[in-house]
Amino acid sequence: MIPLIENNIITSGGTSDNDSEILIWDLQTKERLLFSDESSECVFSFAISSDGSKLFGGINYPNSRINIWDLETGKMIERLPGYSFYPVKTFAISNDGKNLITVANENDVKILNIETDKLIFSFKTKIHSEGVQSVAISPDGKTIVSGSKDKTIKVCNLETKKIINTLEGHKGWVYCVAISPDGSKIVSCSRDKTIRVWDLYTGECIRIIEGHTDWVYSVAISPDGKTLVSCSRDKTVKIWGLK
């Protein structure tokens, strides 16, 4: 499992029977905060709630579901059904903490309500022609953005459940997508070694950032929207100004 870094917390988990531990450290003190061994389940993906109180983990094996832990106590407090035979590969949490967008089996995209444990919506047709690698939810909760192996980014209106834009330009898999805190920009990164900044409303590519020498795996935007961080297969983490 690739570690998740958020709110000065780093989280990692095992994805095999021999390594199903969940480890959490405080980045400032370098102290381990949590070791969870309540089960032998393999964790495939992580997310932290917007208020920093809960850790969500997508379970790979033996059952497809999402476990929720209290970050302060380290105790598992809830299990949400994954509504899929396949592991939850990636997911995103809405800012209000009410909904989850989950991706299983490459293209099985679902919207779940955390409070009721109910499936709200399941996309009946494939959003992308190839596997979805990443999803993000806009701050107002009205839009989801997805990046895919098909080299495109899709923008979907959550109220109508329809795709409203397809962003093209990357020449390789789109590994990660992020939305700026003000909801106006999409940032994406790709196997083509570039980072692209898009206008969320028009779909226009407004900036191409080059500097990595290998695939770019992940991007994250600072809370004030002024800084962009990227990590790459070239073994570097780069910090960029985001205008």
Protein backbone atom coordinates (compact mmCIF):
# COMPACT_ATOMS: atom_id res chain seq x y z
CA MET A 1 0.00 0.00 0.00
CA ILE A 2 1.39 3.43 -0.99
CA PRO A 3 1.38 5.62 2.16
CA LEU A 4 -1.19 8.37 2.60
CA ILE A 5 0.07 11.68 3.97
CA GLU A 6 -2.53 14.11 5.28
CA ASN A 7 -2.89 16.53 8.21
CA ASN A 8 0.70 15.81 9.35
CA ILE A 9 -0.14 12.11 9.56
CA ILE A 10 1.36 9.33 7.47
CA THR A 11 -0.56 6.09 7.09
CA SER A 12 0.47 2.80 5.52
CA GLY A 13 -1.05 -0.64 5.30
CA GLY A 14 -0.23 -4.10 4.05
CA THR A 15 -1.93 -5.70 1.07
CA SER A 16 -1.05 -9.34 1.65
CA ASP A 17 -1.85 -12.05 4.16
CA ASN A 18 1.68 -11.80 5.51
CA ASP A 19 1.49 -8.04 6.00
CA SER A 20 -1.93 -6.66 6.96
CA GLU A 21 -0.75 -4.16 9.56
CA ILE A 22 -1.90 -0.55 9.65
CA LEU A 23 0.81 1.83 10.82
CA ILE A 24 0.36 5.52 11.56
CA TRP A 25 3.02 8.08 12.45
CA ASP A 26 3.01 11.74 13.42
CA LEU A 27 5.24 13.49 10.87
CA GLN A 28 6.34 16.16 13.35
CA THR A 29 7.28 13.92 16.29
CA LYS A 30 8.12 10.83 14.17
CA GLU A 31 6.21 8.80 16.77
CA ARG A 32 4.00 5.88 15.85
CA LEU A 33 0.42 6.77 16.72
CA LEU A 34 -1.42 3.57 15.95
CA PHE A 35 -0.91 -0.08 15.27
CA SER A 36 -4.10 -1.90 14.36
CA ASP A 37 -4.18 -5.68 14.36
CA GLU A 38 -7.87 -6.30 14.93
CA SER A 39 -8.06 -8.49 11.85
CA SER A 40 -5.99 -10.08 9.13
CA GLU A 41 -7.72 -8.06 6.41
CA CYS A 42 -5.60 -6.46 3.70
CA VAL A 43 -6.03 -2.69 3.26
CA PHE A 44 -5.89 -1.51 -0.35
CA SER A 45 -6.53 2.24 -0.02
CA PHE A 46 -6.82 4.98 2.61
CA ALA A 47 -8.55 8.32 3.17
CA ILE A 48 -8.80 10.63 6.18
CA SER A 49 -11.98 12.56 6.99
CA SER A 50 -11.90 16.32 6.45
CA ASP A 51 -11.96 16.98 10.21
CA GLY A 52 -9.03 14.61 10.75
CA SER A 53 -10.89 12.40 13.23
CA LYS A 54 -11.42 9.23 11.20
CA LEU A 55 -9.37 6.92 9.02
CA PHE A 56 -11.11 5.07 6.19
CA GLY A 57 -9.56 1.93 4.74
CA GLY A 58 -10.62 0.05 1.61
CA ILE A 59 -10.43 -3.67 2.29
CA ASN A 60 -8.87 -5.92 -0.32
CA TYR A 61 -9.31 -9.37 1.19
CA PRO A 62 -11.24 -11.42 2.27
CA ASN A 63 -14.22 -9.06 1.88
CA SER A 64 -14.83 -5.91 -0.15
CA ARG A 65 -15.80 -3.16 2.24
CA ILE A 66 -14.58 0.02 3.95
CA ASN A 67 -13.49 0.01 7.58
CA ILE A 68 -13.53 3.18 9.69
CA TRP A 69 -11.16 3.77 12.61
CA ASP A 70 -11.14 6.52 15.23
CA LEU A 71 -7.73 8.19 14.76
CA GLU A 72 -7.48 9.25 18.39
CA THR A 73 -8.16 5.85 19.95
CA GLY A 74 -7.14 3.57 17.11
CA LYS A 75 -10.35 1.59 17.51
CA MET A 76 -12.44 0.39 14.59
CA ILE A 77 -15.81 2.09 14.91
CA GLU A 78 -17.69 1.01 11.79
CA ARG A 79 -17.66 -1.22 8.73
CA LEU A 80 -19.30 -0.07 5.51
CA PRO A 81 -20.24 -2.54 2.78
CA GLY A 82 -18.22 -2.13 -0.40
CA TYR A 83 -21.15 -3.16 -2.63
CA SER A 84 -18.75 -5.00 -4.92
CA PHE A 85 -17.08 -8.39 -5.13
CA TYR A 86 -13.82 -6.59 -5.91
CA PRO A 87 -11.54 -4.64 -3.54
CA VAL A 88 -12.10 -0.90 -3.12
CA LYS A 89 -9.16 0.40 -5.15
CA THR A 90 -9.51 4.11 -4.49
CA PHE A 91 -12.08 6.44 -2.98
CA ALA A 92 -12.72 10.02 -1.90
CA ILE A 93 -14.75 11.56 0.93
CA SER A 94 -16.98 14.61 0.55
CA ASN A 95 -16.07 17.68 2.63
CA ASP A 96 -19.19 17.31 4.75
CA GLY A 97 -18.17 13.75 5.58
CA LYS A 98 -21.48 12.30 4.42
CA ASN A 99 -20.64 10.58 1.14
CA LEU A 100 -17.97 8.32 -0.31
CA ILE A 101 -17.09 7.90 -3.97
CA THR A 102 -15.58 4.43 -4.35
CA VAL A 103 -13.87 2.66 -7.24
CA ALA A 104 -13.62 -1.12 -7.44
CA ASN A 105 -12.64 -3.42 -10.29
CA GLU A 106 -11.12 -0.56 -12.30
CA ASN A 107 -14.43 0.99 -13.44
CA ASP A 108 -17.05 0.14 -10.82
CA VAL A 109 -17.81 3.64 -9.48
CA LYS A 110 -20.33 3.97 -6.66
CA ILE A 111 -21.60 6.68 -4.29
CA LEU A 112 -22.20 5.58 -0.70
CA ASN A 113 -23.81 7.43 2.21
CA ILE A 114 -21.63 7.04 5.30
CA GLU A 115 -24.37 7.88 7.80
CA THR A 116 -26.89 5.33 6.52
CA ASP A 117 -24.48 2.74 5.04
CA LYS A 118 -26.65 2.86 1.94
CA LEU A 119 -25.70 2.78 -1.72
CA ILE A 120 -26.89 6.08 -3.21
CA PHE A 121 -25.92 5.55 -6.82
CA SER A 122 -23.97 3.18 -9.05
CA PHE A 123 -22.86 4.18 -12.53
CA LYS A 124 -24.40 1.60 -14.84
CA THR A 125 -22.04 2.34 -17.70
CA LYS A 126 -18.28 2.75 -17.66
CA ILE A 127 -17.14 6.30 -17.04
CA HIS A 128 -13.82 5.54 -18.78
CA SER A 129 -12.83 3.08 -21.48
CA GLU A 130 -10.05 1.79 -19.20
CA GLY A 131 -9.44 1.55 -15.46
CA VAL A 132 -10.05 4.49 -13.12
CA GLN A 133 -6.91 5.37 -11.15
CA SER A 134 -8.10 8.26 -8.98
CA VAL A 135 -11.20 10.23 -7.97
CA ALA A 136 -11.72 13.60 -6.30
CA ILE A 137 -14.78 15.48 -5.05
CA SER A 138 -15.20 19.24 -5.38
CA PRO A 139 -15.47 21.26 -2.13
CA ASP A 140 -19.17 21.94 -2.73
CA GLY A 141 -19.84 18.23 -3.25
CA LYS A 142 -21.48 18.77 -6.63
CA THR A 143 -18.74 17.47 -8.93
CA ILE A 144 -16.50 14.42 -9.11
CA VAL A 145 -13.39 14.17 -11.24
CA SER A 146 -11.72 10.93 -12.28
CA GLY A 147 -8.42 10.07 -13.94
CA SER A 148 -7.88 6.89 -15.94
CA LYS A 149 -5.59 4.57 -17.84
CA ASP A 150 -7.36 5.79 -20.98
CA LYS A 151 -5.35 9.05 -20.61
CA THR A 152 -8.44 11.20 -20.01
CA ILE A 153 -10.05 13.03 -17.12
CA LYS A 154 -13.81 12.98 -16.74
CA VAL A 155 -15.85 15.64 -14.96
CA CYS A 156 -19.21 14.41 -13.66
CA ASN A 157 -22.12 16.37 -12.19
CA LEU A 158 -23.27 14.55 -9.06
CA GLU A 159 -26.76 16.02 -9.16
CA THR A 160 -27.53 14.79 -12.69
CA LYS A 161 -25.08 11.83 -12.52
CA LYS A 162 -23.91 12.76 -16.02
CA ILE A 163 -20.48 13.42 -17.49
CA ILE A 164 -20.23 17.10 -18.38
CA ASN A 165 -16.68 17.25 -19.72
CA THR A 166 -13.81 15.06 -20.94
CA LEU A 167 -10.33 16.53 -20.60
CA GLU A 168 -7.75 15.29 -23.08
CA GLY A 169 -4.07 16.09 -23.39
CA HIS A 170 -2.07 13.61 -21.33
CA LYS A 171 -0.12 11.07 -23.36
CA GLY A 172 -0.06 8.39 -20.66
CA TRP A 173 -2.16 6.98 -17.83
CA VAL A 174 -3.58 9.65 -15.53
CA TYR A 175 -2.50 8.45 -12.09
CA CYS A 176 -3.96 11.11 -9.83
CA VAL A 177 -6.41 14.02 -9.87
CA ALA A 178 -6.96 16.75 -7.29
CA ILE A 179 -9.32 19.73 -7.05
CA SER A 180 -8.23 23.10 -5.68
CA PRO A 181 -9.79 24.27 -2.38
CA ASP A 182 -11.79 26.96 -4.17
CA GLY A 183 -13.14 24.39 -6.63
CA SER A 184 -11.94 26.24 -9.71
CA LYS A 185 -9.03 24.06 -10.85
CA ILE A 186 -8.20 20.42 -11.49
CA VAL A 187 -4.62 19.23 -11.20
CA SER A 188 -3.62 15.93 -12.80
CA CYS A 189 -0.43 13.91 -13.18
CA SER A 190 0.53 11.19 -15.59
CA ARG A 191 2.86 8.56 -16.94
CA ASP A 192 3.85 11.15 -19.53
CA LYS A 193 5.96 12.81 -16.77
CA THR A 194 3.87 15.97 -16.73
CA ILE A 195 1.45 17.72 -14.42
CA ARG A 196 -1.46 19.62 -15.94
CA VAL A 197 -3.66 22.32 -14.45
CA TRP A 198 -7.16 22.64 -15.86
CA ASP A 199 -10.05 25.06 -15.49
CA LEU A 200 -12.75 22.93 -13.90
CA TYR A 201 -15.59 24.90 -15.48
CA THR A 202 -14.34 25.21 -19.06
CA GLY A 203 -12.07 22.15 -19.27
CA GLU A 204 -9.25 24.26 -20.68
CA CYS A 205 -5.69 23.21 -19.89
CA ILE A 206 -4.21 26.40 -18.45
CA ARG A 207 -0.76 25.14 -17.49
CA ILE A 208 1.60 22.24 -18.17
CA ILE A 209 4.25 21.64 -15.52
CA GLU A 210 7.39 19.77 -16.52
CA GLY A 211 10.35 18.85 -14.33
CA HIS A 212 10.03 15.20 -13.37
CA THR A 213 12.09 12.72 -15.38
CA ASP A 214 9.76 9.75 -14.91
CA TRP A 215 6.11 8.90 -14.30
CA VAL A 216 4.34 11.26 -11.87
CA TYR A 217 2.32 9.19 -9.41
CA SER A 218 0.59 11.68 -7.15
CA VAL A 219 -0.30 15.35 -6.67
CA ALA A 220 -1.70 17.25 -3.69
CA ILE A 221 -2.75 20.88 -3.22
CA SER A 222 -2.18 22.88 -0.03
CA PRO A 223 -5.26 24.11 1.90
CA ASP A 224 -4.64 27.70 0.79
CA GLY A 225 -4.44 26.61 -2.86
CA LYS A 226 -1.08 28.27 -3.42
CA THR A 227 1.22 25.25 -3.38
CA LEU A 228 1.29 21.99 -5.32
CA VAL A 229 3.28 18.91 -4.27
CA SER A 230 4.08 16.01 -6.62
CA CYS A 231 5.87 12.69 -6.25
CA SER A 232 7.36 10.64 -9.03
CA ARG A 233 8.96 7.39 -10.05
CA ASP A 234 12.14 9.45 -10.45
CA LYS A 235 12.40 9.25 -6.62
CA THR A 236 11.77 12.94 -6.04
CA VAL A 237 9.08 15.03 -4.41
CA LYS A 238 8.72 18.47 -5.94
CA ILE A 239 6.99 21.60 -4.65
CA TRP A 240 5.50 24.05 -7.12
CA GLY A 241 3.76 27.40 -6.92
CA LEU A 242 0.15 27.10 -8.05
CA LYS A 243 -1.22 30.34 -9.48
